[in-house]
N, C-alpha and C. Protein backbone atom coordinates (compact mmCIF):
# COMPACT_ATOMS: atom_id res chain seq x y z
N VAL A 1 4.24 -6.23 3.83
CA VAL A 1 5.17 -6.92 4.71
C VAL A 1 5.84 -8.08 3.97
N GLN A 2 5.12 -8.67 3.02
CA GLN A 2 5.68 -9.79 2.25
C GLN A 2 6.97 -9.37 1.54
N ILE A 3 6.98 -8.21 0.92
CA ILE A 3 8.16 -7.74 0.20
C ILE A 3 9.31 -7.48 1.17
N ALA A 4 8.99 -6.93 2.33
CA ALA A 4 10.03 -6.69 3.33
C ALA A 4 10.67 -8.01 3.76
N ARG A 5 9.85 -9.03 3.91
CA ARG A 5 10.37 -10.32 4.35
C ARG A 5 11.13 -11.06 3.25
N THR A 6 10.64 -10.98 2.02
CA THR A 6 11.26 -11.75 0.94
C THR A 6 12.38 -11.01 0.22
N GLU A 7 12.24 -9.69 0.09
CA GLU A 7 13.20 -8.92 -0.70
C GLU A 7 14.04 -7.96 0.13
N GLY A 8 13.67 -7.75 1.38
CA GLY A 8 14.41 -6.82 2.22
C GLY A 8 14.14 -5.37 1.88
N ILE A 9 13.02 -5.11 1.22
CA ILE A 9 12.64 -3.75 0.84
C ILE A 9 11.42 -3.37 1.68
N LEU A 10 11.49 -2.22 2.31
CA LEU A 10 10.37 -1.75 3.10
C LEU A 10 9.68 -0.62 2.34
N PRO A 11 8.64 -0.95 1.57
CA PRO A 11 7.98 0.08 0.78
C PRO A 11 7.06 0.95 1.63
N ALA A 12 6.81 2.13 1.15
CA ALA A 12 5.78 2.97 1.76
C ALA A 12 4.43 2.31 1.46
N PRO A 13 3.39 2.63 2.22
CA PRO A 13 2.09 2.01 1.96
C PRO A 13 1.51 2.33 0.58
N GLU A 14 1.80 3.52 0.03
CA GLU A 14 1.16 3.94 -1.22
C GLU A 14 1.43 3.01 -2.41
N PRO A 15 2.65 2.53 -2.65
CA PRO A 15 2.86 1.69 -3.83
C PRO A 15 2.49 0.22 -3.62
N THR A 16 1.98 -0.13 -2.46
CA THR A 16 1.68 -1.54 -2.22
C THR A 16 0.56 -2.06 -3.11
N HIS A 17 -0.28 -1.16 -3.64
CA HIS A 17 -1.32 -1.60 -4.58
C HIS A 17 -0.67 -2.15 -5.85
N ALA A 18 0.37 -1.47 -6.34
CA ALA A 18 1.09 -1.95 -7.52
C ALA A 18 1.78 -3.27 -7.23
N LEU A 19 2.35 -3.40 -6.04
CA LEU A 19 2.99 -4.66 -5.66
C LEU A 19 1.98 -5.80 -5.66
N LYS A 20 0.80 -5.55 -5.13
CA LYS A 20 -0.25 -6.58 -5.07
C LYS A 20 -0.62 -7.04 -6.47
N VAL A 21 -0.79 -6.10 -7.38
CA VAL A 21 -1.15 -6.46 -8.75
C VAL A 21 -0.02 -7.24 -9.41
N ALA A 22 1.22 -6.84 -9.19
CA ALA A 22 2.36 -7.56 -9.77
C ALA A 22 2.42 -8.99 -9.24
N ILE A 23 2.20 -9.16 -7.95
CA ILE A 23 2.19 -10.50 -7.36
C ILE A 23 1.05 -11.32 -7.93
N ASP A 24 -0.14 -10.72 -8.04
CA ASP A 24 -1.29 -11.43 -8.62
C ASP A 24 -1.01 -11.86 -10.06
N GLU A 25 -0.37 -10.99 -10.83
CA GLU A 25 -0.03 -11.33 -12.22
C GLU A 25 0.97 -12.48 -12.27
N ALA A 26 1.94 -12.48 -11.37
CA ALA A 26 2.93 -13.56 -11.32
C ALA A 26 2.26 -14.89 -10.96
N ILE A 27 1.36 -14.85 -10.01
CA ILE A 27 0.63 -16.07 -9.62
C ILE A 27 -0.22 -16.56 -10.79
N ASP A 28 -0.90 -15.64 -11.47
CA ASP A 28 -1.72 -16.01 -12.62
C ASP A 28 -0.87 -16.64 -13.71
N ALA A 29 0.29 -16.07 -14.00
CA ALA A 29 1.18 -16.62 -15.02
C ALA A 29 1.65 -18.01 -14.62
N ARG A 30 2.01 -18.19 -13.36
CA ARG A 30 2.47 -19.50 -12.89
C ARG A 30 1.36 -20.54 -13.04
N GLU A 31 0.15 -20.18 -12.65
CA GLU A 31 -0.98 -21.11 -12.74
C GLU A 31 -1.30 -21.48 -14.18
N LYS A 32 -1.07 -20.57 -15.12
CA LYS A 32 -1.34 -20.82 -16.53
C LYS A 32 -0.14 -21.41 -17.26
N GLY A 33 0.98 -21.54 -16.55
CA GLY A 33 2.18 -22.07 -17.17
C GLY A 33 2.80 -21.13 -18.19
N GLU A 34 2.56 -19.84 -18.01
CA GLU A 34 3.06 -18.84 -18.95
C GLU A 34 4.31 -18.15 -18.40
N GLU A 35 5.18 -17.75 -19.32
CA GLU A 35 6.29 -16.88 -18.95
C GLU A 35 5.84 -15.46 -19.24
N ARG A 36 6.01 -14.59 -18.29
CA ARG A 36 5.54 -13.22 -18.43
C ARG A 36 6.58 -12.27 -17.85
N VAL A 37 6.78 -11.16 -18.52
CA VAL A 37 7.59 -10.08 -17.96
C VAL A 37 6.63 -9.13 -17.26
N ILE A 38 6.86 -8.93 -15.97
CA ILE A 38 5.97 -8.07 -15.18
C ILE A 38 6.80 -6.89 -14.68
N LEU A 39 6.43 -5.72 -15.10
CA LEU A 39 7.16 -4.51 -14.73
C LEU A 39 6.24 -3.63 -13.89
N PHE A 40 6.76 -3.17 -12.76
CA PHE A 40 6.00 -2.23 -11.94
C PHE A 40 6.97 -1.23 -11.35
N ASN A 41 6.43 -0.13 -10.90
CA ASN A 41 7.25 0.93 -10.34
C ASN A 41 7.05 0.97 -8.83
N LEU A 42 8.14 0.86 -8.10
CA LEU A 42 8.09 0.97 -6.64
C LEU A 42 8.74 2.30 -6.27
N CYS A 43 7.95 3.19 -5.73
CA CYS A 43 8.48 4.48 -5.33
C CYS A 43 8.27 4.67 -3.84
N GLY A 44 9.00 5.55 -3.28
CA GLY A 44 8.86 5.82 -1.86
C GLY A 44 9.55 4.77 -1.01
N HIS A 45 9.51 5.00 0.26
CA HIS A 45 10.08 4.06 1.22
C HIS A 45 9.25 4.12 2.48
N GLY A 46 9.38 3.14 3.31
CA GLY A 46 8.57 3.07 4.51
C GLY A 46 9.22 3.62 5.76
N HIS A 47 10.28 4.41 5.60
CA HIS A 47 10.98 4.90 6.79
C HIS A 47 10.08 5.70 7.72
N PHE A 48 9.16 6.47 7.16
CA PHE A 48 8.27 7.26 8.00
C PHE A 48 7.15 6.42 8.59
N ASP A 49 7.01 5.20 8.13
CA ASP A 49 5.95 4.31 8.59
C ASP A 49 6.48 3.21 9.49
N LEU A 50 7.72 3.33 9.94
CA LEU A 50 8.33 2.25 10.73
C LEU A 50 7.56 1.94 11.99
N THR A 51 7.04 2.94 12.67
CA THR A 51 6.27 2.69 13.88
C THR A 51 5.02 1.88 13.57
N ALA A 52 4.35 2.21 12.48
CA ALA A 52 3.15 1.47 12.10
C ALA A 52 3.51 0.03 11.73
N TYR A 53 4.60 -0.17 10.97
CA TYR A 53 5.02 -1.53 10.64
C TYR A 53 5.35 -2.31 11.91
N GLU A 54 6.03 -1.67 12.83
CA GLU A 54 6.40 -2.33 14.09
C GLU A 54 5.15 -2.76 14.86
N LYS A 55 4.17 -1.88 14.94
CA LYS A 55 2.92 -2.22 15.63
C LYS A 55 2.18 -3.34 14.89
N TYR A 56 2.18 -3.28 13.56
CA TYR A 56 1.51 -4.32 12.77
C TYR A 56 2.14 -5.68 13.04
N LEU A 57 3.45 -5.74 12.98
CA LEU A 57 4.15 -7.01 13.20
C LEU A 57 3.99 -7.52 14.62
N ALA A 58 3.81 -6.62 15.58
CA ALA A 58 3.62 -7.01 16.97
C ALA A 58 2.16 -7.33 17.28
N GLY A 59 1.28 -7.08 16.29
CA GLY A 59 -0.14 -7.35 16.50
C GLY A 59 -0.84 -6.30 17.35
N THR A 60 -0.24 -5.11 17.46
CA THR A 60 -0.83 -4.07 18.31
C THR A 60 -1.35 -2.87 17.52
N LEU A 61 -1.33 -2.95 16.19
CA LEU A 61 -1.82 -1.84 15.37
C LEU A 61 -3.34 -1.82 15.45
N GLU A 62 -3.89 -0.67 15.79
CA GLU A 62 -5.34 -0.55 15.93
C GLU A 62 -5.94 0.08 14.68
N ASP A 63 -7.10 -0.43 14.26
CA ASP A 63 -7.84 0.19 13.18
C ASP A 63 -8.38 1.52 13.69
N TYR A 64 -8.30 2.53 12.86
CA TYR A 64 -8.81 3.84 13.24
C TYR A 64 -9.71 4.33 12.14
N GLU A 65 -10.93 4.64 12.50
CA GLU A 65 -11.87 5.19 11.53
C GLU A 65 -11.95 6.69 11.77
N TYR A 66 -11.52 7.45 10.77
CA TYR A 66 -11.51 8.90 10.90
C TYR A 66 -12.95 9.38 11.02
N PRO A 67 -13.25 10.22 11.98
CA PRO A 67 -14.64 10.66 12.21
C PRO A 67 -15.22 11.40 11.01
N ASP A 68 -16.46 11.08 10.67
CA ASP A 68 -17.13 11.73 9.54
C ASP A 68 -17.17 13.25 9.70
N ALA A 69 -17.39 13.72 10.92
CA ALA A 69 -17.46 15.17 11.15
C ALA A 69 -16.12 15.83 10.80
N ALA A 70 -15.03 15.17 11.11
CA ALA A 70 -13.71 15.72 10.79
C ALA A 70 -13.47 15.72 9.28
N VAL A 71 -13.97 14.70 8.59
CA VAL A 71 -13.84 14.65 7.13
C VAL A 71 -14.63 15.80 6.51
N ARG A 72 -15.87 15.97 6.96
CA ARG A 72 -16.69 17.06 6.42
C ARG A 72 -16.04 18.42 6.67
N LYS A 73 -15.50 18.61 7.86
CA LYS A 73 -14.84 19.88 8.18
C LYS A 73 -13.65 20.12 7.26
N ALA A 74 -12.86 19.08 7.00
CA ALA A 74 -11.71 19.21 6.11
C ALA A 74 -12.16 19.52 4.68
N GLN A 75 -13.27 18.92 4.26
CA GLN A 75 -13.76 19.14 2.90
C GLN A 75 -14.28 20.56 2.70
N GLU A 76 -14.70 21.20 3.77
CA GLU A 76 -15.21 22.57 3.66
C GLU A 76 -14.14 23.52 3.11
N GLY A 77 -12.89 23.22 3.36
CA GLY A 77 -11.81 24.09 2.91
C GLY A 77 -11.32 23.82 1.50
N LEU A 78 -11.88 22.81 0.85
CA LEU A 78 -11.44 22.47 -0.50
C LEU A 78 -12.08 23.39 -1.53
N PRO A 79 -11.35 23.75 -2.56
CA PRO A 79 -11.94 24.59 -3.60
C PRO A 79 -12.92 23.78 -4.46
N VAL A 80 -13.87 24.47 -5.03
CA VAL A 80 -14.82 23.84 -5.94
C VAL A 80 -14.13 23.71 -7.30
N VAL A 81 -14.16 22.51 -7.86
CA VAL A 81 -13.52 22.26 -9.15
C VAL A 81 -14.60 21.95 -10.17
N ALA A 82 -14.62 22.69 -11.25
CA ALA A 82 -15.62 22.47 -12.30
C ALA A 82 -15.30 21.18 -13.03
N GLY A 83 -16.33 20.51 -13.45
CA GLY A 83 -16.03 19.35 -14.25
C GLY A 83 -17.08 18.36 -14.23
């Protein structure tokens, strides 16, 4: 949400981990008085997540824990991968 507010970009949830690391690196550089070039890749967009963003900003987004039984059932259909 910080990037949406400061930059006007609504990222998809997936690349927000890269954004967090880039922000942390910028804060670290500022605290150390260093100049740093920080490059990260922002892919995707949050258009499909607009309802979730709207609920989050309104304070009505509910945490949902996916049931373990449903996870196990989904895993039953996965192929076995050697390794």
